[in-house]
């Protein structure tokens, strides 16, 4: 797997997680914090766990001594959680800017780093799906979260940007 492909996966991860967070705006406290039939955690705790796993894998692959566990802290508000995700995405951008073929190929305890990174995105898919089901039941579906929808939006945005450049005489 190439660094650009890993970056694409994490761009998708951010896009789809952002859609879930957007759909949760204004959700009632009961839905945010109560245990549910999908998971013993509530909607908020599911999204906090997703963040914590994201952070722990990034720190582990970076060989950082930090091991964040936001799940052990009081449940944040949606706004606070969004802020924490925004910081994580900045940290991920910095980390992904430094990855290369050698790091992706590095094998730790039988597992290549690229496989670990794909796992992080796949793990997020599980929890986004749980959150999306809860949001949909509450009348707040985040809409399509499939990777192909992200890819199509990205292609359309790139085409619009290219067309704008041509209209501005830059194309």
Protein backbone atom coordinates (compact mmCIF):
# COMPACT_ATOMS: atom_id res chain seq x y z
CA UNK A 1 0.00 0.00 0.00
CA UNK A 2 1.26 3.45 -0.90
CA UNK A 3 1.36 6.50 1.41
CA UNK A 4 -1.14 8.27 -0.87
CA UNK A 5 -3.58 5.37 -0.47
CA UNK A 6 -3.28 5.50 3.32
CA UNK A 7 -3.89 9.25 3.20
CA UNK A 8 -7.01 8.65 1.07
CA UNK A 9 -8.34 6.18 3.66
CA UNK A 10 -7.83 8.68 6.46
CA UNK A 11 -9.46 11.45 4.41
CA UNK A 12 -12.47 9.15 4.06
CA UNK A 13 -12.35 8.40 7.79
CA UNK A 14 -12.46 12.12 8.57
CA UNK A 15 -15.26 12.80 6.06
CA UNK A 16 -17.49 10.02 7.34
CA UNK A 17 -16.82 10.74 11.03
CA UNK A 18 -17.57 14.41 10.35
CA UNK A 19 -20.92 13.44 8.83
CA UNK A 20 -21.79 11.47 11.95
CA UNK A 21 -20.75 14.33 14.23
CA UNK A 22 -22.75 16.79 12.10
CA UNK A 23 -25.84 14.59 12.34
CA UNK A 24 -25.51 14.47 16.13
CA UNK A 25 -25.81 18.26 16.53
CA UNK A 26 -28.83 18.94 18.73
CA UNK A 27 -29.29 15.33 19.80
CA UNK A 28 -31.00 14.95 23.17
CA UNK A 29 -28.92 14.12 26.24
CA UNK A 30 -30.60 10.75 26.65
CA UNK A 31 -29.54 9.56 23.20
CA UNK A 32 -26.07 11.05 23.69
CA UNK A 33 -25.33 9.38 27.00
CA UNK A 34 -27.66 6.41 27.58
CA UNK A 35 -26.65 2.80 27.02
CA UNK A 36 -28.45 1.29 24.06
CA UNK A 37 -29.25 -1.98 22.34
CA UNK A 38 -26.30 -1.75 19.95
CA UNK A 39 -23.60 -1.25 22.53
CA UNK A 40 -23.49 -0.85 26.29
CA UNK A 41 -22.14 2.63 25.59
CA UNK A 42 -24.30 5.53 24.51
CA UNK A 43 -23.86 7.41 21.25
CA UNK A 44 -21.34 9.81 22.79
CA UNK A 45 -19.31 7.03 24.40
CA UNK A 46 -19.18 5.13 21.11
CA UNK A 47 -17.69 8.19 19.39
CA UNK A 48 -15.31 8.81 22.30
CA UNK A 49 -14.09 5.19 22.04
CA UNK A 50 -13.54 5.65 18.30
CA UNK A 51 -11.44 8.73 19.05
CA UNK A 52 -9.47 6.95 21.78
CA UNK A 53 -8.65 4.00 19.54
CA UNK A 54 -7.63 6.41 16.77
CA UNK A 55 -5.28 8.22 19.16
CA UNK A 56 -3.79 5.06 20.68
CA UNK A 57 -2.96 3.51 17.32
CA UNK A 58 -1.36 6.74 16.07
CA UNK A 59 0.72 7.01 19.23
CA UNK A 60 1.71 3.35 19.10
CA UNK A 61 2.81 3.49 15.47
CA UNK A 62 4.69 6.73 16.19
CA UNK A 63 6.33 4.94 19.13
CA UNK A 64 5.09 7.61 21.50
CA UNK A 65 4.91 6.85 25.19
CA UNK A 66 1.47 8.47 25.37
CA UNK A 67 -1.53 6.18 25.58
CA UNK A 68 -4.66 8.34 25.68
CA UNK A 69 -7.86 6.85 27.11
CA UNK A 70 -10.60 9.44 26.70
CA UNK A 71 -13.07 6.66 27.47
CA UNK A 72 -11.91 6.85 31.11
CA UNK A 73 -12.81 10.55 31.37
CA UNK A 74 -16.27 12.03 31.93
CA UNK A 75 -18.36 12.01 28.75
CA UNK A 76 -17.68 15.26 26.88
CA UNK A 77 -20.33 17.34 25.18
CA UNK A 78 -20.66 16.95 21.43
CA UNK A 79 -18.94 20.32 20.94
CA UNK A 80 -16.02 19.27 23.13
CA UNK A 81 -15.78 15.93 21.33
CA UNK A 82 -15.79 17.70 17.96
CA UNK A 83 -12.91 19.90 19.18
CA UNK A 84 -10.98 16.81 20.25
CA UNK A 85 -11.59 15.19 16.86
CA UNK A 86 -10.41 18.37 15.13
CA UNK A 87 -7.16 18.21 17.12
CA UNK A 88 -6.77 14.51 16.34
CA UNK A 89 -7.23 15.21 12.63
CA UNK A 90 -4.50 17.88 12.76
CA UNK A 91 -2.22 15.37 14.54
CA UNK A 92 -3.09 12.70 11.97
CA UNK A 93 -2.28 15.10 9.13
CA UNK A 94 1.15 15.75 10.64
CA UNK A 95 1.73 12.02 11.16
CA UNK A 96 0.55 11.05 7.66
CA UNK A 97 2.78 13.74 6.18
CA UNK A 98 5.76 11.83 7.52
CA UNK A 99 4.88 8.30 6.43
CA UNK A 100 6.85 6.65 3.68
CA UNK A 101 7.09 3.25 2.02
CA UNK A 102 9.61 2.00 4.58
CA UNK A 103 7.32 2.78 7.53
CA UNK A 104 4.30 1.22 5.83
CA UNK A 105 6.28 -1.94 5.10
CA UNK A 106 7.70 -2.19 8.63
CA UNK A 107 6.43 -5.33 10.36
CA UNK A 108 5.79 -5.31 14.10
CA UNK A 109 4.85 -8.60 15.74
CA UNK A 110 3.86 -10.05 12.38
CA UNK A 111 1.68 -7.14 11.26
CA UNK A 112 2.76 -4.51 8.73
CA UNK A 113 2.19 -0.88 9.69
CA UNK A 114 0.01 -0.39 6.62
CA UNK A 115 -2.30 -3.12 7.92
CA UNK A 116 -2.47 -1.40 11.31
CA UNK A 117 -3.41 1.87 9.66
CA UNK A 118 -6.11 0.23 7.54
CA UNK A 119 -7.40 -1.35 10.74
CA UNK A 120 -7.80 2.09 12.35
CA UNK A 121 -10.08 3.21 9.51
CA UNK A 122 -11.97 -0.10 9.49
CA UNK A 123 -12.43 0.06 13.27
CA UNK A 124 -13.88 3.53 12.84
CA UNK A 125 -16.32 2.16 10.27
CA UNK A 126 -17.73 -0.23 12.85
CA UNK A 127 -18.36 2.53 15.37
CA UNK A 128 -19.61 5.05 12.81
CA UNK A 129 -22.13 2.40 11.76
CA UNK A 130 -23.28 1.93 15.34
CA UNK A 131 -23.57 5.70 15.77
CA UNK A 132 -25.37 6.07 12.43
CA UNK A 133 -27.93 3.45 13.45
CA UNK A 134 -28.62 5.30 16.71
CA UNK A 135 -28.84 8.64 14.92
CA UNK A 136 -31.15 7.22 12.26
CA UNK A 137 -33.43 5.79 14.97
CA UNK A 138 -33.52 9.30 16.47
CA UNK A 139 -34.50 10.78 13.09
CA UNK A 140 -31.04 12.21 12.35
CA UNK A 141 -29.47 9.96 9.74
CA UNK A 142 -25.98 11.04 8.68
CA UNK A 143 -26.79 9.86 5.16
CA UNK A 144 -24.54 7.73 3.01
CA UNK A 145 -21.20 6.95 4.67
CA UNK A 146 -19.82 4.61 2.03
CA UNK A 147 -16.29 5.22 0.79
CA UNK A 148 -17.55 5.38 -2.80
CA UNK A 149 -19.74 8.37 -1.87
CA UNK A 150 -16.66 10.11 -0.46
CA UNK A 151 -14.68 9.29 -3.60
CA UNK A 152 -17.45 10.60 -5.85
CA UNK A 153 -17.71 13.83 -3.84
CA UNK A 154 -13.96 14.24 -4.02
CA UNK A 155 -13.90 13.75 -7.81
CA UNK A 156 -16.76 16.23 -8.24
CA UNK A 157 -14.99 18.81 -6.04
CA UNK A 158 -11.75 18.38 -7.98
CA UNK A 159 -13.60 18.78 -11.28
CA UNK A 160 -15.36 21.90 -10.00
CA UNK A 161 -12.03 23.30 -8.83
CA UNK A 162 -10.46 22.60 -12.21
CA UNK A 163 -13.40 24.23 -14.01
CA UNK A 164 -13.16 27.27 -11.74
CA UNK A 165 -9.45 27.52 -12.53
CA UNK A 166 -10.26 27.48 -16.25
CA UNK A 167 -12.97 30.12 -15.79
CA UNK A 168 -10.47 32.30 -13.91
CA UNK A 169 -7.99 31.95 -16.78
CA UNK A 170 -5.68 29.75 -14.71
CA UNK A 171 -6.49 26.51 -16.55
